[in-house]
Protein backbone atom coordinates (compact mmCIF):
# COMPACT_ATOMS: atom_id res chain seq x y z
CA MET A 1 -0.09 0.23 0.21
CA THR A 2 2.22 2.68 -1.51
CA PRO A 3 0.66 6.54 -0.88
CA GLN A 4 -0.33 8.75 -3.53
CA VAL A 5 2.85 11.46 -4.46
CA SER A 6 2.36 14.58 -5.96
CA VAL A 7 4.95 17.13 -5.81
CA MET A 8 4.37 19.43 -3.09
CA SER A 9 0.50 18.25 -2.29
CA GLY A 10 0.98 19.10 1.20
CA SER A 11 -0.98 21.60 2.66
CA LEU A 12 -0.02 21.69 6.37
CA GLY A 13 4.00 20.59 5.49
CA ASP A 14 6.05 19.32 2.06
CA ILE A 15 8.86 16.58 1.80
CA PHE A 16 11.39 16.06 0.06
CA TRP A 17 15.19 14.31 0.10
CA ASP A 18 17.98 13.94 -2.36
CA LEU A 19 17.25 10.31 -3.79
CA PRO A 20 16.26 9.43 -7.28
CA PRO A 21 13.21 7.81 -7.60
CA TRP A 22 14.58 4.60 -8.02
CA MET A 23 18.31 3.43 -6.95
CA THR A 24 20.62 -0.21 -6.32
CA TYR A 25 20.24 -0.91 -3.08
CA THR A 26 22.62 -3.22 -0.99
CA PRO A 27 20.65 -4.56 1.97
CA GLY A 28 22.49 -3.41 5.35
CA PHE A 29 24.56 -1.09 4.30
CA ASP A 30 24.13 2.65 4.69
CA LEU A 31 21.71 5.05 2.99
CA GLY A 32 22.84 8.59 3.23
CA CYS A 33 20.16 11.24 2.35
CA SER A 34 19.32 15.12 3.39
CA ILE A 35 15.57 15.33 4.07
CA TYR A 36 13.93 18.78 3.73
CA VAL A 37 10.40 19.68 5.22
CA ALA A 38 8.72 22.71 4.68
CA ASN A 39 6.77 24.72 6.43
CA PRO A 40 4.07 26.74 3.45
CA THR A 41 1.53 27.17 6.81
CA GLY A 42 2.14 30.75 8.78
CA VAL A 43 2.49 29.49 12.16
CA GLU A 44 4.82 27.26 13.95
CA LYS A 45 4.18 23.21 13.48
CA GLU A 46 5.12 20.30 14.76
CA TYR A 47 6.32 17.36 12.64
CA ALA A 48 7.44 13.91 12.65
CA LEU A 49 9.15 11.00 9.79
CA MET A 50 7.77 7.15 9.68
CA ALA A 51 9.79 5.68 6.94
CA ARG A 52 7.70 2.63 5.22
CA LEU A 53 9.19 0.07 3.22
CA SER A 54 6.50 -2.07 1.04
CA ARG A 55 7.13 -4.59 -2.03
CA GLU A 56 3.46 -4.39 -3.90
CA SER A 57 0.56 -4.14 -1.66
CA THR A 58 2.28 -6.21 1.29
CA LEU A 59 3.65 -4.00 4.02
CA ILE A 60 7.47 -4.75 4.86
CA SER A 61 8.08 -2.26 7.87
CA GLU A 62 7.44 0.80 9.40
CA GLU A 63 8.96 2.54 11.73
CA ALA A 64 9.45 6.19 12.94
CA LEU A 65 12.45 8.32 12.35
CA PRO A 66 13.70 10.35 15.32
CA VAL A 67 14.74 13.58 14.39
CA PHE A 68 17.89 15.00 16.70
CA GLY A 69 16.33 11.91 19.56
CA TYR A 70 12.64 13.13 19.29
CA ALA A 71 9.64 11.70 17.95
CA TRP A 72 8.11 15.44 17.12
CA PHE A 73 10.59 18.16 15.33
CA LYS A 74 8.73 22.25 15.33
CA VAL A 75 9.36 24.17 12.04
CA SER A 76 8.99 27.63 11.86
CA PRO A 77 6.28 29.54 9.84
CA ALA A 78 7.67 29.48 6.28
CA ASP A 79 10.45 27.88 6.68
CA PHE A 80 12.14 25.32 6.38
CA VAL A 81 14.48 22.30 8.03
CA ARG A 82 17.41 20.20 6.54
CA LEU A 83 17.66 16.76 8.09
CA ARG A 84 20.80 14.86 7.04
CA GLY A 85 21.51 11.00 7.73
CA ALA A 86 21.62 7.45 7.06
CA LEU A 87 18.82 4.63 6.49
CA ARG A 88 19.21 0.94 7.30
CA PHE A 89 17.30 -1.49 5.81
CA SER A 90 17.48 -5.52 5.44
CA GLU A 91 15.49 -5.59 2.19
CA SER A 92 15.28 -4.53 -0.80
CA ASP A 93 13.55 -4.08 -3.71
CA ALA A 94 10.83 -2.92 -2.43
CA ASP A 95 9.63 1.00 -1.94
CA LEU A 96 11.28 2.98 0.47
CA SER A 97 8.25 6.19 1.64
CA VAL A 98 9.09 8.43 4.14
CA LEU A 99 5.84 10.07 5.04
CA LEU A 100 5.30 13.42 6.94
CA VAL A 101 3.32 13.53 9.46
CA GLU A 102 1.34 17.51 11.01
CA ARG A 103 0.59 16.87 14.70
CA GLU A 104 -2.67 18.82 15.23
CA THR A 105 -4.43 16.68 12.71
CA GLU A 106 -2.18 13.17 12.98
CA GLU A 107 -2.40 12.63 9.11
CA VAL A 108 -0.18 12.38 6.70
CA THR A 109 0.50 15.23 5.19
CA ASP A 110 3.37 14.61 1.97
CA SER A 111 5.65 12.35 1.10
CA ALA A 112 9.26 10.83 -0.85
CA ALA A 113 9.46 7.79 -2.19
CA THR A 114 12.49 5.74 -3.97
CA ARG A 115 12.29 2.18 -5.16
CA LEU A 116 15.15 0.45 -3.96
CA VAL A 117 16.88 -2.56 -6.76
CA ALA A 118 19.01 -5.06 -5.27
CA PRO A 119 21.97 -5.88 -7.13
CA GLN A 120 22.76 -8.04 -9.46
CA GLY A 121 25.69 -10.25 -8.76
CA THR A 122 26.29 -11.95 -5.55
CA SER A 123 29.31 -9.53 -4.49
CA ALA A 124 29.39 -7.64 -0.72
CA LEU A 125 31.00 -4.53 -3.07
CA PRO A 126 28.38 -1.81 -4.04
CA PRO A 127 27.82 -2.82 -7.79
CA THR A 128 28.28 0.47 -8.76
CA TRP A 129 32.48 -0.19 -8.08
CA PRO A 130 33.86 -1.40 -12.24
CA GLY A 131 35.88 -4.86 -12.04
CA ALA A 132 33.34 -6.34 -9.08
CA PRO A 133 32.41 -10.02 -9.05
CA GLY A 134 29.90 -10.50 -11.42
CA THR A 135 29.93 -7.42 -13.78
CA THR A 136 30.31 -8.66 -17.19
CA GLU A 137 33.60 -6.18 -17.94
CA THR A 138 36.99 -7.20 -17.80
CA GLY A 139 39.98 -5.68 -18.24
CA PHE A 140 41.51 -2.83 -17.87
CA ASN A 141 38.46 0.28 -19.33
CA TRP A 142 41.31 3.10 -20.19
CA ASN A 143 38.02 4.81 -22.19
CA SER A 144 36.87 5.03 -18.19
CA LEU A 145 39.86 6.69 -17.10
CA LEU A 146 39.87 9.07 -20.04
CA SER A 147 36.26 10.00 -19.29
CA MET A 148 37.92 10.72 -15.05
CA MET A 149 41.47 12.27 -16.87
CA PHE A 150 39.92 15.18 -19.41
CA PRO A 151 38.19 17.59 -16.92
CA VAL A 152 41.48 17.51 -14.64
CA MET A 153 44.04 17.77 -17.70
CA MET A 154 41.17 20.80 -19.36
CA LEU A 155 42.10 22.54 -16.10
CA GLY A 156 45.86 22.46 -16.24
CA VAL A 157 45.47 23.75 -20.15
CA VAL A 158 43.30 26.66 -18.43
CA ALA A 159 45.88 27.50 -16.03
CA VAL A 160 48.57 27.39 -18.65
CA ALA A 161 47.00 29.36 -20.54
CA ALA A 162 45.66 32.16 -17.75
CA ARG A 163 49.34 32.18 -16.35
CA PRO A 164 50.37 35.68 -16.96
CA GLN A 165 53.08 36.00 -20.04
CA LYS A 166 56.54 37.84 -19.35
CA ASP A 167 57.19 40.73 -21.39
CA LYS A 168 60.08 41.32 -23.36
CA VAL A 169 61.13 44.39 -21.55
CA GLU A 170 62.48 43.42 -18.08
CA SER A 171 61.03 46.09 -15.05
CA LYS A 172 63.64 47.09 -12.09
CA ALA A 173 62.16 46.62 -9.08
CA VAL A 174 61.90 49.79 -6.76
CA VAL A 175 63.48 48.81 -2.86
CA GLU A 176 61.68 51.54 -0.50
CA PRO A 177 63.59 51.33 2.69
CA GLN A 178 62.37 49.44 5.51
CA LYS A 179 60.93 51.16 8.35
CA LEU A 180 61.69 50.74 11.63
CA LEU A 181 58.85 49.88 14.47
CA SER A 182 58.97 52.15 17.73
CA GLU A 183 60.39 50.53 20.82
CA GLY A 184 57.54 49.69 22.94
CA ARG A 185 56.70 50.43 26.44
CA ASN A 186 59.12 48.90 28.99
CA ARG A 187 57.47 47.09 31.57
């Protein structure tokens, strides 16, 4: 049972995050993210966050996400808060939803969701690492090395081009006499 999600739908509060609509997730690893909670109203509101993991219509788990050790947290009127943290699950191939609950009504006012897809293969490493067991890539990939090095090489070219050129006529340096500091108070 996945809640209906629409962009900026909560009239009592909005939630959004930096996770993509779907991602590869290996169970047991931390899933770091930044969650933003906005209060579009003219009064201070209290909110709670709930994490819900479901597969099709089956609820796998549901738990409260504490913020600074508390179930409820406040957001000033017409303001937002950025919450950084990590989530960890023992399941994959499921839908992850973080629900924003408003305290007065105790109803879900908005939600953010992503699909967690299990990695292909049996590697313990994150699946996006080149050369990991179970990937089809063999040997050394020169294209990936060149694509990583190209921006660095271009930065070097720009730095050399931006360096001021020396004129053929050398200018004479002017030497200023040194000024001595006055002696301070003796104590």
